[in-house]
């Protein structure tokens, strides 16, 4: 499940260059919105608690957020982080999370205190043309 989710999240940013004729960059959240819309996702631009841009989106039942970092007064952001949270019914082998973190270079997983499983993939200095 975690590998599938990683592939879905990262494909958003790996394929956006081919899917759009424009540049996709963290500095322009609208470019990320346009690319996600072109791919058939349902993005919604909002802001986080500090006023920085944030996108909530979903595709094929996978809900995720795109967070913007390195912003100067809530604009001109430098980096993007993609985050998905999964609630697991019943018991869960936390060894799967450790195995994922060991085997995958991009992204990390952890179990939060509320027993949600989290998958985070950072896209540093994103600019796709």
Protein backbone atom coordinates (compact mmCIF):
# COMPACT_ATOMS: atom_id res chain seq x y z
CA UNK A 1 0.00 0.00 0.00
CA UNK A 2 2.75 2.48 0.94
CA UNK A 3 4.69 1.77 -2.27
CA UNK A 4 1.53 2.26 -4.31
CA UNK A 5 0.83 5.55 -2.58
CA UNK A 6 4.40 6.73 -3.11
CA UNK A 7 4.13 5.95 -6.80
CA UNK A 8 0.83 7.84 -7.03
CA UNK A 9 2.16 10.89 -5.20
CA UNK A 10 5.47 11.09 -7.02
CA UNK A 11 3.88 10.49 -10.40
CA UNK A 12 2.09 13.78 -9.93
CA UNK A 13 5.39 15.61 -10.10
CA UNK A 14 7.32 13.31 -12.41
CA UNK A 15 4.67 13.42 -15.11
CA UNK A 16 3.67 17.06 -14.79
CA UNK A 17 6.53 18.17 -17.03
CA UNK A 18 5.22 16.03 -19.87
CA UNK A 19 1.58 16.71 -19.11
CA UNK A 20 1.82 20.49 -19.33
CA UNK A 21 3.53 22.87 -21.68
CA UNK A 22 4.31 25.30 -18.90
CA UNK A 23 6.80 25.41 -16.07
CA UNK A 24 5.67 23.94 -12.75
CA UNK A 25 7.40 25.62 -9.85
CA UNK A 26 7.00 26.00 -6.09
CA UNK A 27 7.19 29.77 -6.54
CA UNK A 28 3.86 29.72 -8.41
CA UNK A 29 1.27 27.53 -6.65
CA UNK A 30 -1.12 28.11 -9.55
CA UNK A 31 1.27 26.21 -11.82
CA UNK A 32 1.00 23.20 -9.50
CA UNK A 33 -2.81 23.55 -9.46
CA UNK A 34 -2.89 23.66 -13.27
CA UNK A 35 -0.65 20.60 -13.58
CA UNK A 36 -2.72 18.60 -11.06
CA UNK A 37 -5.94 19.59 -12.84
CA UNK A 38 -4.47 18.53 -16.19
CA UNK A 39 -3.72 15.11 -14.68
CA UNK A 40 -7.34 14.74 -13.55
CA UNK A 41 -6.73 15.38 -9.86
CA UNK A 42 -9.05 17.64 -7.89
CA UNK A 43 -6.79 20.31 -6.38
CA UNK A 44 -8.00 23.07 -4.08
CA UNK A 45 -5.71 25.97 -3.20
CA UNK A 46 -5.85 27.10 0.41
CA UNK A 47 -3.34 28.26 3.05
CA UNK A 48 -1.69 26.64 6.04
CA UNK A 49 -1.65 28.06 9.60
CA UNK A 50 1.19 30.47 8.73
CA UNK A 51 -0.51 31.75 5.60
CA UNK A 52 1.73 29.85 3.14
CA UNK A 53 0.03 28.22 0.15
CA UNK A 54 -1.27 24.68 0.55
CA UNK A 55 -3.06 22.44 -1.91
CA UNK A 56 -5.49 19.70 -0.92
CA UNK A 57 -6.06 17.21 -3.70
CA UNK A 58 -7.25 13.71 -4.48
CA UNK A 59 -6.99 11.15 -7.19
CA UNK A 60 -8.52 7.67 -7.31
CA UNK A 61 -9.51 7.89 -3.65
CA UNK A 62 -6.02 9.01 -2.54
CA UNK A 63 -6.25 12.28 -0.60
CA UNK A 64 -3.05 14.25 -0.16
CA UNK A 65 -1.75 17.73 0.57
CA UNK A 66 0.95 19.72 -1.14
CA UNK A 67 2.72 22.02 1.32
CA UNK A 68 4.96 24.90 0.29
CA UNK A 69 8.14 25.77 2.21
CA UNK A 70 10.86 28.40 2.08
CA UNK A 71 8.30 31.10 1.32
CA UNK A 72 9.07 34.79 1.72
CA UNK A 73 6.07 36.41 3.36
CA UNK A 74 3.78 33.65 2.02
CA UNK A 75 4.99 33.98 -1.61
CA UNK A 76 8.04 32.99 -3.67
CA UNK A 77 8.17 29.51 -2.15
CA UNK A 78 11.24 27.35 -2.77
CA UNK A 79 10.22 23.77 -1.92
CA UNK A 80 7.22 21.48 -1.96
CA UNK A 81 6.30 18.61 0.34
CA UNK A 82 3.62 16.09 -0.57
CA UNK A 83 1.88 14.47 2.40
CA UNK A 84 -0.67 11.68 2.57
CA UNK A 85 -2.19 10.23 5.76
CA UNK A 86 -3.80 6.81 5.99
CA UNK A 87 -5.95 5.37 8.75
CA UNK A 88 -5.50 1.64 9.20
CA UNK A 89 -8.26 -0.50 10.64
CA UNK A 90 -7.10 -3.13 13.10
CA UNK A 91 -3.50 -3.97 13.88
CA UNK A 92 -0.65 -2.80 11.70
CA UNK A 93 2.88 -4.15 11.41
CA UNK A 94 5.07 -1.10 12.08
CA UNK A 95 7.93 -3.10 10.58
CA UNK A 96 6.41 -2.22 7.20
CA UNK A 97 7.04 1.46 7.91
CA UNK A 98 10.65 0.78 8.87
CA UNK A 99 11.13 -1.38 5.78
CA UNK A 100 9.73 1.36 3.56
CA UNK A 101 12.07 3.96 5.08
CA UNK A 102 15.03 1.64 4.53
CA UNK A 103 14.17 0.76 0.93
CA UNK A 104 13.01 4.10 -0.47
CA UNK A 105 15.21 7.17 -0.92
CA UNK A 106 12.39 9.65 -1.52
CA UNK A 107 9.76 9.95 1.15
CA UNK A 108 9.48 8.72 4.69
CA UNK A 109 6.76 7.06 6.67
CA UNK A 110 5.85 7.14 10.32
CA UNK A 111 2.97 6.29 12.61
CA UNK A 112 1.57 9.29 14.45
CA UNK A 113 0.29 9.26 18.00
CA UNK A 114 -3.28 8.95 16.75
CA UNK A 115 -2.34 5.70 14.92
CA UNK A 116 -2.50 7.25 11.46
CA UNK A 117 0.18 6.21 8.99
CA UNK A 118 1.83 9.11 7.25
CA UNK A 119 3.75 9.20 3.99
CA UNK A 120 5.80 12.29 3.19
CA UNK A 121 7.67 12.95 -0.03
CA UNK A 122 9.70 16.13 -0.36
CA UNK A 123 10.26 17.70 -3.74
CA UNK A 124 13.12 20.12 -3.17
CA UNK A 125 13.46 23.17 -5.40
CA UNK A 126 10.77 21.97 -7.80
CA UNK A 127 10.92 23.39 -11.29
CA UNK A 128 9.69 21.25 -14.15
CA UNK A 129 9.62 22.61 -17.66
